[in-house]
Each structure stands twice: as structure tokens, then as C-alpha cells.
Amino acid sequence: MIAQPYHLYVERSDAARNMARYYAMSIEPNLFGDVCLLRKWGRIGTKGQMMVHHFGREEEAVELFLDLLRQKRKRGYRPRTSVPT
């Protein structure tokens, strides 16, 4: 069982470079009792790509989650400033 929810959605936009990207992550259990880190990324407004990492322990998933968060923050990804209507 996951101790607390881990969800992240960040965006990176640069009009001068025609860049509008998103990156989303969440840690969730699967039907077999494993812990999964789901990663989704792509251009804003598209389906994008997805990758799933399977772990035996929640701590391993959280460690990768935090490492990826640090990498994305370094590259300029930030939480969305406004909610679309």
C-alpha cells in the first residue's frame, strides 16, 4: 500500500523556440502488489509518450521520483501557472 500520494505535473514553455512541453509522474500500486512509477511526457495538447517502472518497494519508486523531479526542475519545468477552463 502506498503511504501517501505522489503526483506531479509540470510544464516548460518557450515561445521563441516554439516549445510547449509537459511532464507528469505518479506512483501507484498495480494489481500484483508492486509499486509502479508512471511517467508521461510530450508536447502540450498531445497524447505524448508513457513509461512504467516497476519496483518491489515504495522507497525505490520515491527515490527515482525525486531524482527525476530534480532533473526536470534543472531543465526549467515548473508547475502550471493557470488552470485551463
PDB file of N, CA and C in Angstrom:
ATOM      1  N   MET A   1       0.835  -1.176   0.000  1.00  0.00           N
ATOM      2  CA  MET A   1       0.000   0.000   0.000  1.00  0.00           C
ATOM      3  C   MET A   1       0.885   1.246   0.000  1.00  0.00           C
ATOM      4  N   ILE A   2       0.512   2.239  -0.763  1.00  0.00           N
ATOM      5  CA  ILE A   2       1.277   3.478  -0.867  1.00  0.00           C
ATOM      6  C   ILE A   2       0.963   4.344   0.353  1.00  0.00           C
ATOM      7  N   ALA A   3       2.019   4.831   1.026  1.00  0.00           N
ATOM      8  CA  ALA A   3       1.850   5.599   2.254  1.00  0.00           C
ATOM      9  C   ALA A   3       1.186   6.954   2.000  1.00  0.00           C
ATOM     10  N   GLN A   4       1.551   7.607   0.930  1.00  0.00           N
ATOM     11  CA  GLN A   4       0.955   8.906   0.591  1.00  0.00           C
ATOM     12  C   GLN A   4       0.950   9.057  -0.917  1.00  0.00           C
ATOM     13  N   PRO A   5       0.066   9.904  -1.445  1.00  0.00           N
ATOM     14  CA  PRO A   5       0.006  10.043  -2.911  1.00  0.00           C
ATOM     15  C   PRO A   5       1.198  10.834  -3.454  1.00  0.00           C
ATOM     16  N   TYR A   6       1.710  10.395  -4.576  1.00  0.00           N
ATOM     17  CA  TYR A   6       2.776  11.097  -5.285  1.00  0.00           C
ATOM     18  C   TYR A   6       2.283  11.373  -6.697  1.00  0.00           C
ATOM     19  N   HIS A   7       1.987  12.630  -6.985  1.00  0.00           N
ATOM     20  CA  HIS A   7       1.535  13.061  -8.310  1.00  0.00           C
ATOM     21  C   HIS A   7       2.261  14.348  -8.660  1.00  0.00           C
ATOM     22  N   LEU A   8       2.679  14.476  -9.902  1.00  0.00           N
ATOM     23  CA  LEU A   8       3.380  15.674 -10.337  1.00  0.00           C
ATOM     24  C   LEU A   8       2.988  15.981 -11.773  1.00  0.00           C
ATOM     25  N   TYR A   9       2.724  17.255 -12.058  1.00  0.00           N
ATOM     26  CA  TYR A   9       2.503  17.713 -13.429  1.00  0.00           C
ATOM     27  C   TYR A   9       3.226  19.043 -13.568  1.00  0.00           C
ATOM     28  N   VAL A  10       4.191  19.111 -14.488  1.00  0.00           N
ATOM     29  CA  VAL A  10       4.953  20.336 -14.723  1.00  0.00           C
ATOM     30  C   VAL A  10       4.996  20.617 -16.221  1.00  0.00           C
ATOM     31  N   GLU A  11       5.232  21.879 -16.544  1.00  0.00           N
ATOM     32  CA  GLU A  11       5.299  22.304 -17.945  1.00  0.00           C
ATOM     33  C   GLU A  11       6.536  23.151 -18.174  1.00  0.00           C
ATOM     34  N   ARG A  12       6.947  23.184 -19.439  1.00  0.00           N
ATOM     35  CA  ARG A  12       8.065  24.033 -19.864  1.00  0.00           C
ATOM     36  C   ARG A  12       7.671  24.662 -21.191  1.00  0.00           C
ATOM     37  N   SER A  13       7.645  25.980 -21.235  1.00  0.00           N
ATOM     38  CA  SER A  13       7.255  26.691 -22.455  1.00  0.00           C
ATOM     39  C   SER A  13       8.270  27.759 -22.794  1.00  0.00           C
ATOM     40  N   ASP A  14       8.529  27.903 -24.094  1.00  0.00           N
ATOM     41  CA  ASP A  14       9.400  28.958 -24.604  1.00  0.00           C
ATOM     42  C   ASP A  14       8.883  29.315 -25.995  1.00  0.00           C
ATOM     43  N   ALA A  15       8.173  30.440 -26.091  1.00  0.00           N
ATOM     44  CA  ALA A  15       7.567  30.848 -27.364  1.00  0.00           C
ATOM     45  C   ALA A  15       8.619  31.103 -28.439  1.00  0.00           C
ATOM     46  N   ALA A  16       9.783  31.618 -28.057  1.00  0.00           N
ATOM     47  CA  ALA A  16      10.837  31.911 -29.032  1.00  0.00           C
ATOM     48  C   ALA A  16      11.348  30.642 -29.709  1.00  0.00           C
ATOM     49  N   ARG A  17      11.306  29.524 -29.010  1.00  0.00           N
ATOM     50  CA  ARG A  17      11.777  28.248 -29.562  1.00  0.00           C
ATOM     51  C   ARG A  17      10.622  27.328 -29.958  1.00  0.00           C
ATOM     52  N   ASN A  18       9.392  27.841 -29.916  1.00  0.00           N
ATOM     53  CA  ASN A  18       8.183  27.066 -30.245  1.00  0.00           C
ATOM     54  C   ASN A  18       8.119  25.793 -29.403  1.00  0.00           C
ATOM     55  N   MET A  19       8.411  25.932 -28.097  1.00  0.00           N
ATOM     56  CA  MET A  19       8.450  24.803 -27.188  1.00  0.00           C
ATOM     57  C   MET A  19       7.300  24.894 -26.194  1.00  0.00           C
ATOM     58  N   ALA A  20       6.541  23.829 -26.076  1.00  0.00           N
ATOM     59  CA  ALA A  20       5.464  23.729 -25.090  1.00  0.00           C
ATOM     60  C   ALA A  20       5.370  22.262 -24.692  1.00  0.00           C
ATOM     61  N   ARG A  21       6.044  21.897 -23.602  1.00  0.00           N
ATOM     62  CA  ARG A  21       6.144  20.501 -23.185  1.00  0.00           C
ATOM     63  C   ARG A  21       5.530  20.297 -21.809  1.00  0.00           C
ATOM     64  N   TYR A  22       5.107  19.067 -21.557  1.00  0.00           N
ATOM     65  CA  TYR A  22       4.624  18.707 -20.230  1.00  0.00           C
ATOM     66  C   TYR A  22       5.333  17.444 -19.771  1.00  0.00           C
ATOM     67  N   TYR A  23       5.314  17.239 -18.471  1.00  0.00           N
ATOM     68  CA  TYR A  23       5.895  16.043 -17.876  1.00  0.00           C
ATOM     69  C   TYR A  23       5.052  15.701 -16.663  1.00  0.00           C
ATOM     70  N   ALA A  24       4.579  14.473 -16.577  1.00  0.00           N
ATOM     71  CA  ALA A  24       3.728  14.051 -15.466  1.00  0.00           C
ATOM     72  C   ALA A  24       4.265  12.746 -14.891  1.00  0.00           C
ATOM     73  N   MET A  25       4.185  12.609 -13.565  1.00  0.00           N
ATOM     74  CA  MET A  25       4.608  11.382 -12.882  1.00  0.00           C
ATOM     75  C   MET A  25       3.630  11.073 -11.762  1.00  0.00           C
ATOM     76  N   SER A  26       3.486   9.798 -11.474  1.00  0.00           N
ATOM     77  CA  SER A  26       2.711   9.383 -10.305  1.00  0.00           C
ATOM     78  C   SER A  26       3.198   8.012  -9.860  1.00  0.00           C
ATOM     79  N   ILE A  27       3.078   7.763  -8.566  1.00  0.00           N
ATOM     80  CA  ILE A  27       3.412   6.455  -8.003  1.00  0.00           C
ATOM     81  C   ILE A  27       2.098   5.799  -7.613  1.00  0.00           C
ATOM     82  N   GLU A  28       1.895   4.575  -8.135  1.00  0.00           N
ATOM     83  CA  GLU A  28       0.633   3.875  -7.915  1.00  0.00           C
ATOM     84  C   GLU A  28       0.887   2.383  -7.748  1.00  0.00           C
ATOM     85  N   PRO A  29       0.024   1.701  -7.014  1.00  0.00           N
ATOM     86  CA  PRO A  29       0.158   0.246  -6.915  1.00  0.00           C
ATOM     87  C   PRO A  29      -0.445  -0.427  -8.142  1.00  0.00           C
ATOM     88  N   ASN A  30       0.056  -1.622  -8.474  1.00  0.00           N
ATOM     89  CA  ASN A  30      -0.583  -2.384  -9.544  1.00  0.00           C
ATOM     90  C   ASN A  30      -1.362  -3.542  -8.920  1.00  0.00           C
ATOM     91  N   LEU A  31      -1.988  -4.344  -9.733  1.00  0.00           N
ATOM     92  CA  LEU A  31      -2.834  -5.431  -9.227  1.00  0.00           C
ATOM     93  C   LEU A  31      -2.053  -6.548  -8.548  1.00  0.00           C
ATOM     94  N   PHE A  32      -0.753  -6.614  -8.760  1.00  0.00           N
ATOM     95  CA  PHE A  32       0.061  -7.686  -8.208  1.00  0.00           C
ATOM     96  C   PHE A  32       0.795  -7.279  -6.930  1.00  0.00           C
ATOM     97  N   GLY A  33       0.496  -6.094  -6.409  1.00  0.00           N
ATOM     98  CA  GLY A  33       1.113  -5.647  -5.172  1.00  0.00           C
ATOM     99  C   GLY A  33       2.419  -4.905  -5.346  1.00  0.00           C
ATOM    100  N   ASP A  34       2.889  -4.764  -6.579  1.00  0.00           N
ATOM    101  CA  ASP A  34       4.107  -3.996  -6.829  1.00  0.00           C
ATOM    102  C   ASP A  34       3.786  -2.507  -6.834  1.00  0.00           C
ATOM    103  N   VAL A  35       4.819  -1.709  -6.720  1.00  0.00           N
ATOM    104  CA  VAL A  35       4.686  -0.259  -6.800  1.00  0.00           C
ATOM    105  C   VAL A  35       5.199   0.164  -8.168  1.00  0.00           C
ATOM    106  N   CYS A  36       4.444   1.028  -8.849  1.00  0.00           N
ATOM    107  CA  CYS A  36       4.819   1.479 -10.192  1.00  0.00           C
ATOM    108  C   CYS A  36       4.980   2.989 -10.230  1.00  0.00           C
ATOM    109  N   LEU A  37       5.991   3.437 -10.941  1.00  0.00           N
ATOM    110  CA  LEU A  37       6.174   4.851 -11.229  1.00  0.00           C
ATOM    111  C   LEU A  37       5.761   5.048 -12.681  1.00  0.00           C
ATOM    112  N   LEU A  38       4.687   5.807 -12.903  1.00  0.00           N
ATOM    113  CA  LEU A  38       4.204   6.095 -14.249  1.00  0.00           C
ATOM    114  C   LEU A  38       4.732   7.451 -14.675  1.00  0.00           C
ATOM    115  N   ARG A  39       5.347   7.511 -15.859  1.00  0.00           N
ATOM    116  CA  ARG A  39       5.872   8.763 -16.396  1.00  0.00           C
ATOM    117  C   ARG A  39       5.202   9.030 -17.733  1.00  0.00           C
ATOM    118  N   LYS A  40       4.736  10.264 -17.933  1.00  0.00           N
ATOM    119  CA  LYS A  40       4.137  10.674 -19.200  1.00  0.00           C
ATOM    120  C   LYS A  40       4.757  12.001 -19.596  1.00  0.00           C
ATOM    121  N   TRP A  41       5.066  12.161 -20.878  1.00  0.00           N
ATOM    122  CA  TRP A  41       5.659  13.405 -21.354  1.00  0.00           C
ATOM    123  C   TRP A  41       5.348  13.610 -22.819  1.00  0.00           C
ATOM    124  N   GLY A  42       5.460  14.876 -23.246  1.00  0.00           N
ATOM    125  CA  GLY A  42       5.242  15.200 -24.651  1.00  0.00           C
ATOM    126  C   GLY A  42       4.909  16.661 -24.834  1.00  0.00           C
ATOM    127  N   ARG A  43       4.473  16.988 -26.039  1.00  0.00           N
ATOM    128  CA  ARG A  43       4.068  18.353 -26.354  1.00  0.00           C
ATOM    129  C   ARG A  43       2.680  18.592 -25.762  1.00  0.00           C
ATOM    130  N   ILE A  44       2.475  19.765 -25.185  1.00  0.00           N
ATOM    131  CA  ILE A  44       1.183  20.103 -24.586  1.00  0.00           C
ATOM    132  C   ILE A  44       0.106  19.996 -25.654  1.00  0.00           C
ATOM    133  N   GLY A  45      -0.980  19.308 -25.321  1.00  0.00           N
ATOM    134  CA  GLY A  45      -2.082  19.118 -26.251  1.00  0.00           C
ATOM    135  C   GLY A  45      -2.033  17.813 -27.023  1.00  0.00           C
ATOM    136  N   THR A  46      -0.971  17.009 -26.804  1.00  0.00           N
ATOM    137  CA  THR A  46      -0.863  15.716 -27.481  1.00  0.00           C
ATOM    138  C   THR A  46      -0.903  14.590 -26.454  1.00  0.00           C
ATOM    139  N   LYS A  47      -1.062  13.380 -26.946  1.00  0.00           N
ATOM    140  CA  LYS A  47      -1.074  12.211 -26.067  1.00  0.00           C
ATOM    141  C   LYS A  47       0.308  11.968 -25.464  1.00  0.00           C
ATOM    142  N   GLY A  48       1.354  12.200 -26.219  1.00  0.00           N
ATOM    143  CA  GLY A  48       2.712  12.035 -25.725  1.00  0.00           C
ATOM    144  C   GLY A  48       3.120  10.585 -25.585  1.00  0.00           C
ATOM    145  N   GLN A  49       4.113  10.357 -24.757  1.00  0.00           N
ATOM    146  CA  GLN A  49       4.660   9.025 -24.526  1.00  0.00           C
ATOM    147  C   GLN A  49       4.480   8.648 -23.068  1.00  0.00           C
ATOM    148  N   MET A  50       4.629   7.344 -22.788  1.00  0.00           N
ATOM    149  CA  MET A  50       4.469   6.877 -21.415  1.00  0.00           C
ATOM    150  C   MET A  50       5.478   5.771 -21.128  1.00  0.00           C
ATOM    151  N   MET A  51       5.959   5.739 -19.897  1.00  0.00           N
ATOM    152  CA  MET A  51       6.869   4.694 -19.451  1.00  0.00           C
ATOM    153  C   MET A  51       6.463   4.283 -18.036  1.00  0.00           C
ATOM    154  N   VAL A  52       6.544   2.989 -17.752  1.00  0.00           N
ATOM    155  CA  VAL A  52       6.191   2.473 -16.429  1.00  0.00           C
ATOM    156  C   VAL A  52       7.401   1.747 -15.856  1.00  0.00           C
ATOM    157  N   HIS A  53       7.764   2.099 -14.618  1.00  0.00           N
ATOM    158  CA  HIS A  53       8.843   1.425 -13.894  1.00  0.00           C
ATOM    159  C   HIS A  53       8.204   0.630 -12.762  1.00  0.00           C
ATOM    160  N   HIS A  54       8.605  -0.629 -12.595  1.00  0.00           N
ATOM    161  CA  HIS A  54       8.062  -1.496 -11.542  1.00  0.00           C
ATOM    162  C   HIS A  54       9.099  -1.646 -10.432  1.00  0.00           C
ATOM    163  N   PHE A  55       8.629  -1.561  -9.182  1.00  0.00           N
ATOM    164  CA  PHE A  55       9.506  -1.680  -8.021  1.00  0.00           C
ATOM    165  C   PHE A  55       8.885  -2.633  -7.008  1.00  0.00           C
ATOM    166  N   GLY A  56       9.722  -3.258  -6.227  1.00  0.00           N
ATOM    167  CA  GLY A  56       9.242  -4.112  -5.146  1.00  0.00           C
ATOM    168  C   GLY A  56       8.915  -3.324  -3.895  1.00  0.00           C
ATOM    169  N   ARG A  57       9.598  -2.169  -3.735  1.00  0.00           N
ATOM    170  CA  ARG A  57       9.391  -1.347  -2.532  1.00  0.00           C
ATOM    171  C   ARG A  57       9.063   0.081  -2.922  1.00  0.00           C
ATOM    172  N   GLU A  58       8.240   0.718  -2.107  1.00  0.00           N
ATOM    173  CA  GLU A  58       7.835   2.103  -2.366  1.00  0.00           C
ATOM    174  C   GLU A  58       9.029   3.054  -2.292  1.00  0.00           C
ATOM    175  N   GLU A  59       9.968   2.794  -1.400  1.00  0.00           N
ATOM    176  CA  GLU A  59      11.116   3.683  -1.217  1.00  0.00           C
ATOM    177  C   GLU A  59      11.927   3.827  -2.503  1.00  0.00           C
ATOM    178  N   GLU A  60      12.058   2.740  -3.259  1.00  0.00           N
ATOM    179  CA  GLU A  60      12.802   2.796  -4.524  1.00  0.00           C
ATOM    180  C   GLU A  60      12.085   3.676  -5.543  1.00  0.00           C
ATOM    181  N   ALA A  61      10.774   3.569  -5.591  1.00  0.00           N
ATOM    182  CA  ALA A  61       9.983   4.387  -6.516  1.00  0.00           C
ATOM    183  C   ALA A  61      10.066   5.859  -6.135  1.00  0.00           C
ATOM    184  N   VAL A  62      10.010   6.151  -4.849  1.00  0.00           N
ATOM    185  CA  VAL A  62      10.077   7.538  -4.379  1.00  0.00           C
ATOM    186  C   VAL A  62      11.447   8.129  -4.695  1.00  0.00           C
ATOM    187  N   GLU A  63      12.494   7.345  -4.545  1.00  0.00           N
ATOM    188  CA  GLU A  63      13.852   7.825  -4.854  1.00  0.00           C
ATOM    189  C   GLU A  63      13.967   8.228  -6.321  1.00  0.00           C
ATOM    190  N   LEU A  64      13.469   7.392  -7.234  1.00  0.00           N
ATOM    191  CA  LEU A  64      13.509   7.736  -8.657  1.00  0.00           C
ATOM    192  C   LEU A  64      12.616   8.940  -8.946  1.00  0.00           C
ATOM    193  N   PHE A  65      11.449   8.991  -8.319  1.00  0.00           N
ATOM    194  CA  PHE A  65      10.528  10.121  -8.479  1.00  0.00           C
ATOM    195  C   PHE A  65      11.237  11.434  -8.133  1.00  0.00           C
ATOM    196  N   LEU A  66      11.910  11.468  -6.998  1.00  0.00           N
ATOM    197  CA  LEU A  66      12.591  12.692  -6.560  1.00  0.00           C
ATOM    198  C   LEU A  66      13.784  13.031  -7.452  1.00  0.00           C
ATOM    199  N   ASP A  67      14.523  12.020  -7.911  1.00  0.00           N
ATOM    200  CA  ASP A  67      15.645  12.269  -8.829  1.00  0.00           C
ATOM    201  C   ASP A  67      15.144  12.881 -10.134  1.00  0.00           C
ATOM    202  N   LEU A  68      14.068  12.330 -10.683  1.00  0.00           N
ATOM    203  CA  LEU A  68      13.509  12.871 -11.923  1.00  0.00           C
ATOM    204  C   LEU A  68      12.965  14.278 -11.720  1.00  0.00           C
ATOM    205  N   LEU A  69      12.357  14.522 -10.573  1.00  0.00           N
ATOM    206  CA  LEU A  69      11.855  15.864 -10.260  1.00  0.00           C
ATOM    207  C   LEU A  69      13.002  16.874 -10.254  1.00  0.00           C
ATOM    208  N   ARG A  70      14.116  16.529  -9.630  1.00  0.00           N
ATOM    209  CA  ARG A  70      15.281  17.423  -9.614  1.00  0.00           C
ATOM    210  C   ARG A  70      15.789  17.702 -11.030  1.00  0.00           C
ATOM    211  N   GLN A  71      15.846  16.672 -11.859  1.00  0.00           N
ATOM    212  CA  GLN A  71      16.307  16.845 -13.241  1.00  0.00           C
ATOM    213  C   GLN A  71      15.386  17.781 -14.015  1.00  0.00           C
ATOM    214  N   LYS A  72      14.091  17.605 -13.863  1.00  0.00           N
ATOM    215  CA  LYS A  72      13.130  18.429 -14.607  1.00  0.00           C
ATOM    216  C   LYS A  72      13.172  19.876 -14.127  1.00  0.00           C
ATOM    217  N   ARG A  73      13.333  20.086 -12.832  1.00  0.00           N
ATOM    218  CA  ARG A  73      13.431  21.455 -12.307  1.00  0.00           C
ATOM    219  C   ARG A  73      14.676  22.149 -12.858  1.00  0.00           C
ATOM    220  N   LYS A  74      15.785  21.434 -12.975  1.00  0.00           N
ATOM    221  CA  LYS A  74      17.009  21.999 -13.549  1.00  0.00           C
ATOM    222  C   LYS A  74      16.807  22.417 -14.998  1.00  0.00           C
ATOM    223  N   ARG A  75      15.987  21.669 -15.735  1.00  0.00           N
ATOM    224  CA  ARG A  75      15.759  21.951 -17.145  1.00  0.00           C
ATOM    225  C   ARG A  75      14.710  23.029 -17.374  1.00  0.00           C
ATOM    226  N   GLY A  76      14.101  23.541 -16.296  1.00  0.00           N
ATOM    227  CA  GLY A  76      13.172  24.649 -16.444  1.00  0.00           C
ATOM    228  C   GLY A  76      11.700  24.287 -16.360  1.00  0.00           C
ATOM    229  N   TYR A  77      11.359  23.055 -16.016  1.00  0.00           N
ATOM    230  CA  TYR A  77       9.958  22.675 -15.852  1.00  0.00           C
ATOM    231  C   TYR A  77       9.423  23.267 -14.561  1.00  0.00           C
ATOM    232  N   ARG A  78       8.221  23.812 -14.634  1.00  0.00           N
ATOM    233  CA  ARG A  78       7.580  24.432 -13.476  1.00  0.00           C
ATOM    234  C   ARG A  78       6.103  24.030 -13.437  1.00  0.00           C
ATOM    235  N   PRO A  79       5.481  24.079 -12.244  1.00  0.00           N
ATOM    236  CA  PRO A  79       4.041  23.794 -12.167  1.00  0.00           C
ATOM    237  C   PRO A  79       3.257  24.756 -13.048  1.00  0.00           C
ATOM    238  N   ARG A  80       2.140  24.303 -13.574  1.00  0.00           N
ATOM    239  CA  ARG A  80       1.306  25.130 -14.438  1.00  0.00           C
ATOM    240  C   ARG A  80       0.826  26.346 -13.642  1.00  0.00           C
ATOM    241  N   THR A  81       0.926  27.527 -14.258  1.00  0.00           N
ATOM    242  CA  THR A  81       0.566  28.762 -13.571  1.00  0.00           C
ATOM    243  C   THR A  81      -0.934  29.021 -13.576  1.00  0.00           C
ATOM    244  N   SER A  82      -1.649  28.501 -14.559  1.00  0.00           N
ATOM    245  CA  SER A  82      -3.106  28.701 -14.600  1.00  0.00           C
ATOM    246  C   SER A  82      -3.778  27.397 -14.995  1.00  0.00           C
ATOM    247  N   VAL A  83      -4.973  27.234 -14.520  1.00  0.00           N
ATOM    248  CA  VAL A  83      -5.744  26.032 -14.815  1.00  0.00           C
ATOM    249  C   VAL A  83      -6.581  26.287 -16.050  1.00  0.00           C
ATOM    250  N   PRO A  84      -6.502  25.411 -17.083  1.00  0.00           N
ATOM    251  CA  PRO A  84      -7.301  25.620 -18.276  1.00  0.00           C
ATOM    252  C   PRO A  84      -8.792  25.431 -17.990  1.00  0.00           C
ATOM    253  N   THR A  85      -9.622  26.170 -18.695  1.00  0.00           N
ATOM    254  CA  THR A  85     -11.069  26.059 -18.486  1.00  0.00           C
ATOM    255  C   THR A  85     -11.747  25.377 -19.636  1.00  0.00           C
TER     256      THR A  85
END
